[in-house]
Amino acid sequence: MAELNTYGTALGEVNIRRGIFQGDSLSPLLFVIAIIPLTRMLRHDTGYQLGDSHSKINRLLFMDDLKLYGRNDREVESLVHTVRIFTEDTGMQFGIKKCATIELQCSKVKHTEGIVLPNAQVVHEVEEDGYKYLSVLETDQIKRDEMKDTVKTEYVRWVRRVLQSKLNGGNTIGAINTWAVSLVRYTAGIINWRKDELEAMDRLGK
């Protein structure tokens, strides 16, 4: 039970049964703290070795978006089962519909039957059109051309929606920067945009 206050005035009590509040500024920090035990559980001698160093990588984790790496099927299945056990013990849900597996041999995709969990659920292999991790489309590598097409379409859509509004000049520029330009900026460190591509996209939005 928690007491909700604003500027020193008590508004009432809130019965927090499970989870964290969506949009609350403290919630991301609380979520990260709750996930720390999982990151420690995944710290074992699996994954890919980085160059000539002894460091290995077996996961990428940002909030609740998790990607697992293994040198073979056995390692990947072990990591998946570790995550499953953690989510069940903490009352979290294993988002099976958002999960997929991909196996690469000599940089080529090898078709598999996925990973079968103890409750008979199956983590299927990635579909041919790829998957998204942090909104970036990829399979064995980032699908840059497809990402460019998607960003262009969304950029033009948002610019035209803003221009159809009745905002004044300053607010119009601010809205375009917030809703449209931010889409391109997000991919700037991932996709190599050429100057002529950006100029052509800018003309399309007008």
C-alpha atoms as a PDB file:
ATOM      1  CA  MET A   1       0.000   0.000   0.000  1.00  0.00           C
ATOM      2  CA  ALA A   2       1.385   3.411  -0.992  1.00  0.00           C
ATOM      3  CA  GLU A   3       0.164   6.922  -0.262  1.00  0.00           C
ATOM      4  CA  LEU A   4      -0.236   9.271  -3.223  1.00  0.00           C
ATOM      5  CA  ASN A   5       0.720  12.903  -2.540  1.00  0.00           C
ATOM      6  CA  THR A   6       0.933  16.088  -4.561  1.00  0.00           C
ATOM      7  CA  TYR A   7       2.588  19.241  -3.231  1.00  0.00           C
ATOM      8  CA  GLY A   8       2.233  17.938   0.308  1.00  0.00           C
ATOM      9  CA  THR A   9      -1.478  17.164  -0.010  1.00  0.00           C
ATOM     10  CA  ALA A  10      -2.526  13.544   0.506  1.00  0.00           C
ATOM     11  CA  LEU A  11      -4.738  12.334  -2.353  1.00  0.00           C
ATOM     12  CA  GLY A  12      -5.305   8.811  -1.094  1.00  0.00           C
ATOM     13  CA  GLU A  13      -3.802   5.349  -0.895  1.00  0.00           C
ATOM     14  CA  VAL A  14      -2.898   3.129  -3.836  1.00  0.00           C
ATOM     15  CA  ASN A  15      -2.858  -0.640  -3.526  1.00  0.00           C
ATOM     16  CA  ILE A  16       0.096  -1.773  -5.676  1.00  0.00           C
ATOM     17  CA  ARG A  17      -0.467  -5.452  -6.277  1.00  0.00           C
ATOM     18  CA  ARG A  18       1.949  -6.128  -9.103  1.00  0.00           C
ATOM     19  CA  GLY A  19       4.147  -4.407 -11.645  1.00  0.00           C
ATOM     20  CA  ILE A  20       5.069  -0.756 -12.130  1.00  0.00           C
ATOM     21  CA  PHE A  21       3.167   2.225 -13.481  1.00  0.00           C
ATOM     22  CA  GLN A  22       3.303   3.020 -17.197  1.00  0.00           C
ATOM     23  CA  GLY A  23       4.729   6.511 -17.763  1.00  0.00           C
ATOM     24  CA  ASP A  24       5.884   7.027 -14.195  1.00  0.00           C
ATOM     25  CA  SER A  25       9.372   8.604 -14.116  1.00  0.00           C
ATOM     26  CA  LEU A  26      10.553   6.225 -11.387  1.00  0.00           C
ATOM     27  CA  SER A  27       9.275   3.059 -13.080  1.00  0.00           C
ATOM     28  CA  PRO A  28      12.153   2.581 -15.578  1.00  0.00           C
ATOM     29  CA  LEU A  29      14.689   2.710 -12.750  1.00  0.00           C
ATOM     30  CA  LEU A  30      12.690   0.246 -10.669  1.00  0.00           C
ATOM     31  CA  PHE A  31      12.384  -2.080 -13.651  1.00  0.00           C
ATOM     32  CA  VAL A  32      16.123  -2.001 -14.329  1.00  0.00           C
ATOM     33  CA  ILE A  33      16.827  -2.767 -10.676  1.00  0.00           C
ATOM     34  CA  ALA A  34      14.432  -5.721 -10.836  1.00  0.00           C
ATOM     35  CA  ILE A  35      16.211  -7.066 -13.940  1.00  0.00           C
ATOM     36  CA  ILE A  36      19.725  -6.938 -12.406  1.00  0.00           C
ATOM     37  CA  PRO A  37      19.444 -10.497 -10.978  1.00  0.00           C
ATOM     38  CA  LEU A  38      18.717 -11.812 -14.480  1.00  0.00           C
ATOM     39  CA  THR A  39      21.843 -10.209 -15.910  1.00  0.00           C
ATOM     40  CA  ARG A  40      23.886 -11.840 -13.138  1.00  0.00           C
ATOM     41  CA  MET A  41      22.288 -15.224 -13.825  1.00  0.00           C
ATOM     42  CA  LEU A  42      23.296 -14.946 -17.491  1.00  0.00           C
ATOM     43  CA  ARG A  43      26.941 -14.265 -16.623  1.00  0.00           C
ATOM     44  CA  HIS A  44      28.383 -17.666 -17.381  1.00  0.00           C
ATOM     45  CA  ASP A  45      30.927 -18.965 -19.848  1.00  0.00           C
ATOM     46  CA  THR A  46      28.805 -18.937 -22.994  1.00  0.00           C
ATOM     47  CA  GLY A  47      28.492 -16.765 -26.069  1.00  0.00           C
ATOM     48  CA  TYR A  48      30.839 -15.353 -28.646  1.00  0.00           C
ATOM     49  CA  GLN A  49      34.406 -14.350 -27.905  1.00  0.00           C
ATOM     50  CA  LEU A  50      35.240 -10.780 -28.880  1.00  0.00           C
ATOM     51  CA  GLY A  51      38.403 -10.669 -30.961  1.00  0.00           C
ATOM     52  CA  ASP A  52      41.580 -11.722 -29.221  1.00  0.00           C
ATOM     53  CA  SER A  53      40.288 -10.791 -25.772  1.00  0.00           C
ATOM     54  CA  HIS A  54      38.835 -13.197 -23.243  1.00  0.00           C
ATOM     55  CA  SER A  55      35.562 -11.268 -23.134  1.00  0.00           C
ATOM     56  CA  LYS A  56      32.444 -12.994 -24.371  1.00  0.00           C
ATOM     57  CA  ILE A  57      28.985 -11.721 -25.191  1.00  0.00           C
ATOM     58  CA  ASN A  58      25.837 -13.785 -24.773  1.00  0.00           C
ATOM     59  CA  ARG A  59      23.175 -11.098 -24.449  1.00  0.00           C
ATOM     60  CA  LEU A  60      22.009  -7.622 -25.398  1.00  0.00           C
ATOM     61  CA  LEU A  61      19.502  -6.171 -22.964  1.00  0.00           C
ATOM     62  CA  PHE A  62      17.669  -2.858 -23.061  1.00  0.00           C
ATOM     63  CA  MET A  63      14.777  -2.645 -20.590  1.00  0.00           C
ATOM     64  CA  ASP A  64      12.631  -5.676 -21.520  1.00  0.00           C
ATOM     65  CA  ASP A  65      14.117  -6.208 -25.005  1.00  0.00           C
ATOM     66  CA  LEU A  66      16.536  -9.119 -24.694  1.00  0.00           C
ATOM     67  CA  LYS A  67      18.640 -10.811 -27.352  1.00  0.00           C
ATOM     68  CA  LEU A  68      20.594 -13.963 -26.501  1.00  0.00           C
ATOM     69  CA  TYR A  69      23.689 -15.330 -28.272  1.00  0.00           C
ATOM     70  CA  GLY A  70      25.200 -18.803 -28.168  1.00  0.00           C
ATOM     71  CA  ARG A  71      27.834 -20.750 -30.071  1.00  0.00           C
ATOM     72  CA  ASN A  72      25.457 -23.679 -30.574  1.00  0.00           C
ATOM     73  CA  ASP A  73      21.906 -24.906 -29.915  1.00  0.00           C
ATOM     74  CA  ARG A  74      22.776 -26.154 -26.439  1.00  0.00           C
ATOM     75  CA  GLU A  75      24.039 -22.771 -25.265  1.00  0.00           C
ATOM     76  CA  VAL A  76      21.044 -20.876 -26.645  1.00  0.00           C
ATOM     77  CA  GLU A  77      18.563 -23.309 -25.096  1.00  0.00           C
ATOM     78  CA  SER A  78      20.356 -23.016 -21.754  1.00  0.00           C
ATOM     79  CA  LEU A  79      20.112 -19.217 -21.852  1.00  0.00           C
ATOM     80  CA  VAL A  80      16.437 -19.317 -22.874  1.00  0.00           C
ATOM     81  CA  HIS A  81      15.577 -21.673 -20.009  1.00  0.00           C
ATOM     82  CA  THR A  82      17.433 -19.408 -17.575  1.00  0.00           C
ATOM     83  CA  VAL A  83      15.293 -16.466 -18.683  1.00  0.00           C
ATOM     84  CA  ARG A  84      12.127 -18.590 -18.501  1.00  0.00           C
ATOM     85  CA  ILE A  85      12.853 -19.677 -14.927  1.00  0.00           C
ATOM     86  CA  PHE A  86      13.590 -16.087 -13.887  1.00  0.00           C
ATOM     87  CA  THR A  87      10.378 -14.734 -15.400  1.00  0.00           C
ATOM     88  CA  GLU A  88       8.278 -17.446 -13.775  1.00  0.00           C
ATOM     89  CA  ASP A  89       9.897 -16.944 -10.365  1.00  0.00           C
ATOM     90  CA  THR A  90       9.381 -13.175 -10.470  1.00  0.00           C
ATOM     91  CA  GLY A  91       5.826 -13.270 -11.799  1.00  0.00           C
ATOM     92  CA  MET A  92       6.765 -11.780 -15.160  1.00  0.00           C
ATOM     93  CA  GLN A  93       5.426 -13.066 -18.456  1.00  0.00           C
ATOM     94  CA  PHE A  94       7.623 -14.799 -21.011  1.00  0.00           C
ATOM     95  CA  GLY A  95       6.430 -13.030 -24.197  1.00  0.00           C
ATOM     96  CA  ILE A  96       6.504 -16.119 -26.373  1.00  0.00           C
ATOM     97  CA  LYS A  97       4.703 -14.424 -29.277  1.00  0.00           C
ATOM     98  CA  LYS A  98       7.481 -11.839 -29.524  1.00  0.00           C
ATOM     99  CA  CYS A  99      10.278 -14.408 -29.322  1.00  0.00           C
ATOM    100  CA  ALA A 100      12.093 -16.042 -32.203  1.00  0.00           C
ATOM    101  CA  THR A 101      15.317 -17.887 -32.856  1.00  0.00           C
ATOM    102  CA  ILE A 102      17.779 -17.775 -35.719  1.00  0.00           C
ATOM    103  CA  GLU A 103      20.732 -20.078 -36.371  1.00  0.00           C
ATOM    104  CA  LEU A 104      23.656 -19.038 -38.548  1.00  0.00           C
ATOM    105  CA  GLN A 105      26.312 -21.305 -40.011  1.00  0.00           C
ATOM    106  CA  CYS A 106      29.083 -19.686 -42.027  1.00  0.00           C
ATOM    107  CA  SER A 107      26.995 -16.465 -42.168  1.00  0.00           C
ATOM    108  CA  LYS A 108      24.048 -18.338 -43.698  1.00  0.00           C
ATOM    109  CA  VAL A 109      20.663 -18.876 -42.085  1.00  0.00           C
ATOM    110  CA  LYS A 110      19.975 -22.501 -41.166  1.00  0.00           C
ATOM    111  CA  HIS A 111      16.360 -23.583 -40.770  1.00  0.00           C
ATOM    112  CA  THR A 112      15.477 -25.101 -37.403  1.00  0.00           C
ATOM    113  CA  GLU A 113      12.369 -26.274 -35.551  1.00  0.00           C
ATOM    114  CA  GLY A 114      12.876 -23.734 -32.794  1.00  0.00           C
ATOM    115  CA  ILE A 115      13.151 -24.293 -29.043  1.00  0.00           C
ATOM    116  CA  VAL A 116      10.534 -26.302 -27.161  1.00  0.00           C
ATOM    117  CA  LEU A 117       9.837 -25.112 -23.603  1.00  0.00           C
ATOM    118  CA  PRO A 118       8.740 -27.428 -20.754  1.00  0.00           C
ATOM    119  CA  ASN A 119       5.134 -26.180 -21.039  1.00  0.00           C
ATOM    120  CA  ALA A 120       5.096 -27.300 -24.719  1.00  0.00           C
ATOM    121  CA  GLN A 121       5.317 -23.734 -26.022  1.00  0.00           C
ATOM    122  CA  VAL A 122       7.715 -23.304 -28.938  1.00  0.00           C
ATOM    123  CA  VAL A 123      10.067 -20.439 -29.724  1.00  0.00           C
ATOM    124  CA  HIS A 124       9.829 -20.561 -33.511  1.00  0.00           C
ATOM    125  CA  GLU A 125      12.513 -19.487 -35.946  1.00  0.00           C
ATOM    126  CA  VAL A 126      12.591 -15.965 -37.343  1.00  0.00           C
ATOM    127  CA  GLU A 127      10.347 -15.327 -40.330  1.00  0.00           C
ATOM    128  CA  GLU A 128      11.933 -14.547 -43.683  1.00  0.00           C
ATOM    129  CA  ASP A 129      11.133 -10.842 -43.481  1.00  0.00           C
ATOM    130  CA  GLY A 130      13.255 -10.611 -40.314  1.00  0.00           C
ATOM    131  CA  TYR A 131      12.638  -9.358 -36.803  1.00  0.00           C
ATOM    132  CA  LYS A 132      12.899  -6.055 -34.958  1.00  0.00           C
ATOM    133  CA  TYR A 133      15.210  -5.335 -32.061  1.00  0.00           C
ATOM    134  CA  LEU A 134      14.811  -1.809 -30.690  1.00  0.00           C
ATOM    135  CA  SER A 135      12.755  -1.006 -33.808  1.00  0.00           C
ATOM    136  CA  VAL A 136      15.603  -1.998 -36.148  1.00  0.00           C
ATOM    137  CA  LEU A 137      14.759  -4.666 -38.738  1.00  0.00           C
ATOM    138  CA  GLU A 138      17.346  -7.426 -39.076  1.00  0.00           C
ATOM    139  CA  THR A 139      17.996 -11.113 -39.756  1.00  0.00           C
ATOM    140  CA  ASP A 140      21.611 -12.222 -40.097  1.00  0.00           C
ATOM    141  CA  GLN A 141      22.408  -8.526 -40.520  1.00  0.00           C
ATOM    142  CA  ILE A 142      20.583  -5.211 -40.397  1.00  0.00           C
ATOM    143  CA  LYS A 143      18.168  -4.769 -43.314  1.00  0.00           C
ATOM    144  CA  ARG A 144      19.289  -1.272 -44.197  1.00  0.00           C
ATOM    145  CA  ASP A 145      17.369  -0.871 -47.466  1.00  0.00           C
ATOM    146  CA  GLU A 146      14.096  -1.995 -45.887  1.00  0.00           C
ATOM    147  CA  MET A 147      14.727   0.265 -42.900  1.00  0.00           C
ATOM    148  CA  LYS A 148      15.318   3.231 -45.189  1.00  0.00           C
ATOM    149  CA  ASP A 149      12.012   2.618 -46.982  1.00  0.00           C
ATOM    150  CA  THR A 150      10.170   2.340 -43.666  1.00  0.00           C
ATOM    151  CA  VAL A 151      11.733   5.514 -42.253  1.00  0.00           C
ATOM    152  CA  LYS A 152      11.004   7.458 -45.451  1.00  0.00           C
ATOM    153  CA  THR A 153       7.351   6.411 -45.412  1.00  0.00           C
ATOM    154  CA  GLU A 154       6.901   7.291 -41.734  1.00  0.00           C
ATOM    155  CA  TYR A 155       8.800  10.572 -42.089  1.00  0.00           C
ATOM    156  CA  VAL A 156       6.597  11.760 -44.949  1.00  0.00           C
ATOM    157  CA  ARG A 157       3.442  10.625 -43.144  1.00  0.00           C
ATOM    158  CA  TRP A 158       4.272  12.577 -39.991  1.00  0.00           C
ATOM    159  CA  VAL A 159       5.375  15.719 -41.839  1.00  0.00           C
ATOM    160  CA  ARG A 160       2.153  15.814 -43.830  1.00  0.00           C
ATOM    161  CA  ARG A 161       0.039  15.223 -40.744  1.00  0.00           C
ATOM    162  CA  VAL A 162       1.730  18.114 -38.967  1.00  0.00           C
ATOM    163  CA  LEU A 163       1.389  20.409 -41.983  1.00  0.00           C
ATOM    164  CA  GLN A 164      -2.341  19.643 -42.148  1.00  0.00           C
ATOM    165  CA  SER A 165      -2.760  20.825 -38.577  1.00  0.00           C
ATOM    166  CA  LYS A 166      -3.507  24.409 -37.595  1.00  0.00           C
ATOM    167  CA  LEU A 167      -0.338  24.969 -35.587  1.00  0.00           C
ATOM    168  CA  ASN A 168       1.511  28.252 -35.892  1.00  0.00           C
ATOM    169  CA  GLY A 169       4.939  28.404 -37.531  1.00  0.00           C
ATOM    170  CA  GLY A 170       7.033  27.791 -34.420  1.00  0.00           C
ATOM    171  CA  ASN A 171       4.903  24.930 -33.161  1.00  0.00           C
ATOM    172  CA  THR A 172       4.850  23.385 -36.633  1.00  0.00           C
ATOM    173  CA  ILE A 173       8.670  23.249 -36.758  1.00  0.00           C
ATOM    174  CA  GLY A 174       8.758  21.871 -33.220  1.00  0.00           C
ATOM    175  CA  ALA A 175       6.226  19.159 -34.061  1.00  0.00           C
ATOM    176  CA  ILE A 176       8.111  18.137 -37.206  1.00  0.00           C
ATOM    177  CA  ASN A 177      11.355  17.889 -35.249  1.00  0.00           C
ATOM    178  CA  THR A 178       9.627  15.824 -32.553  1.00  0.00           C
ATOM    179  CA  TRP A 179       7.584  13.413 -34.663  1.00  0.00           C
ATOM    180  CA  ALA A 180       9.347  13.231 -38.045  1.00  0.00           C
ATOM    181  CA  VAL A 181      13.006  14.259 -37.784  1.00  0.00           C
ATOM    182  CA  SER A 182      13.463  12.126 -34.667  1.00  0.00           C
ATOM    183  CA  LEU A 183      12.671   9.027 -36.749  1.00  0.00           C
ATOM    184  CA  VAL A 184      15.628   9.725 -39.016  1.00  0.00           C
ATOM    185  CA  ARG A 185      17.880  10.784 -36.156  1.00  0.00           C
ATOM    186  CA  TYR A 186      17.198   7.488 -34.330  1.00  0.00           C
ATOM    187  CA  THR A 187      18.677   5.489 -37.225  1.00  0.00           C
ATOM    188  CA  ALA A 188      21.605   7.862 -37.870  1.00  0.00           C
ATOM    189  CA  GLY A 189      24.170   5.667 -36.094  1.00  0.00           C
ATOM    190  CA  ILE A 190      22.834   2.475 -37.679  1.00  0.00           C
ATOM    191  CA  ILE A 191      21.995   3.333 -41.282  1.00  0.00           C
ATOM    192  CA  ASN A 192      24.386   5.191 -43.567  1.00  0.00           C
ATOM    193  CA  TRP A 193      22.191   7.915 -44.990  1.00  0.00           C
ATOM    194  CA  ARG A 194      23.552   9.751 -48.023  1.00  0.00           C
ATOM    195  CA  LYS A 195      23.066  13.485 -48.339  1.00  0.00           C
ATOM    196  CA  ASP A 196      21.029  13.131 -51.550  1.00  0.00           C
ATOM    197  CA  GLU A 197      18.706  10.610 -49.838  1.00  0.00           C
ATOM    198  CA  LEU A 198      17.999  13.010 -46.984  1.00  0.00           C
ATOM    199  CA  GLU A 199      17.414  15.896 -49.392  1.00  0.00           C
ATOM    200  CA  ALA A 200      15.019  13.793 -51.488  1.00  0.00           C
ATOM    201  CA  MET A 201      13.121  12.703 -48.359  1.00  0.00           C
ATOM    202  CA  ASP A 202      12.869  16.341 -47.230  1.00  0.00           C
ATOM    203  CA  ARG A 203      11.338  17.330 -50.582  1.00  0.00           C
ATOM    204  CA  LEU A 204       8.790  14.495 -50.368  1.00  0.00           C
ATOM    205  CA  GLY A 205       7.495  15.778 -47.052  1.00  0.00           C
ATOM    206  CA  LYS A 206       6.695  19.243 -48.403  1.00  0.00           C
END
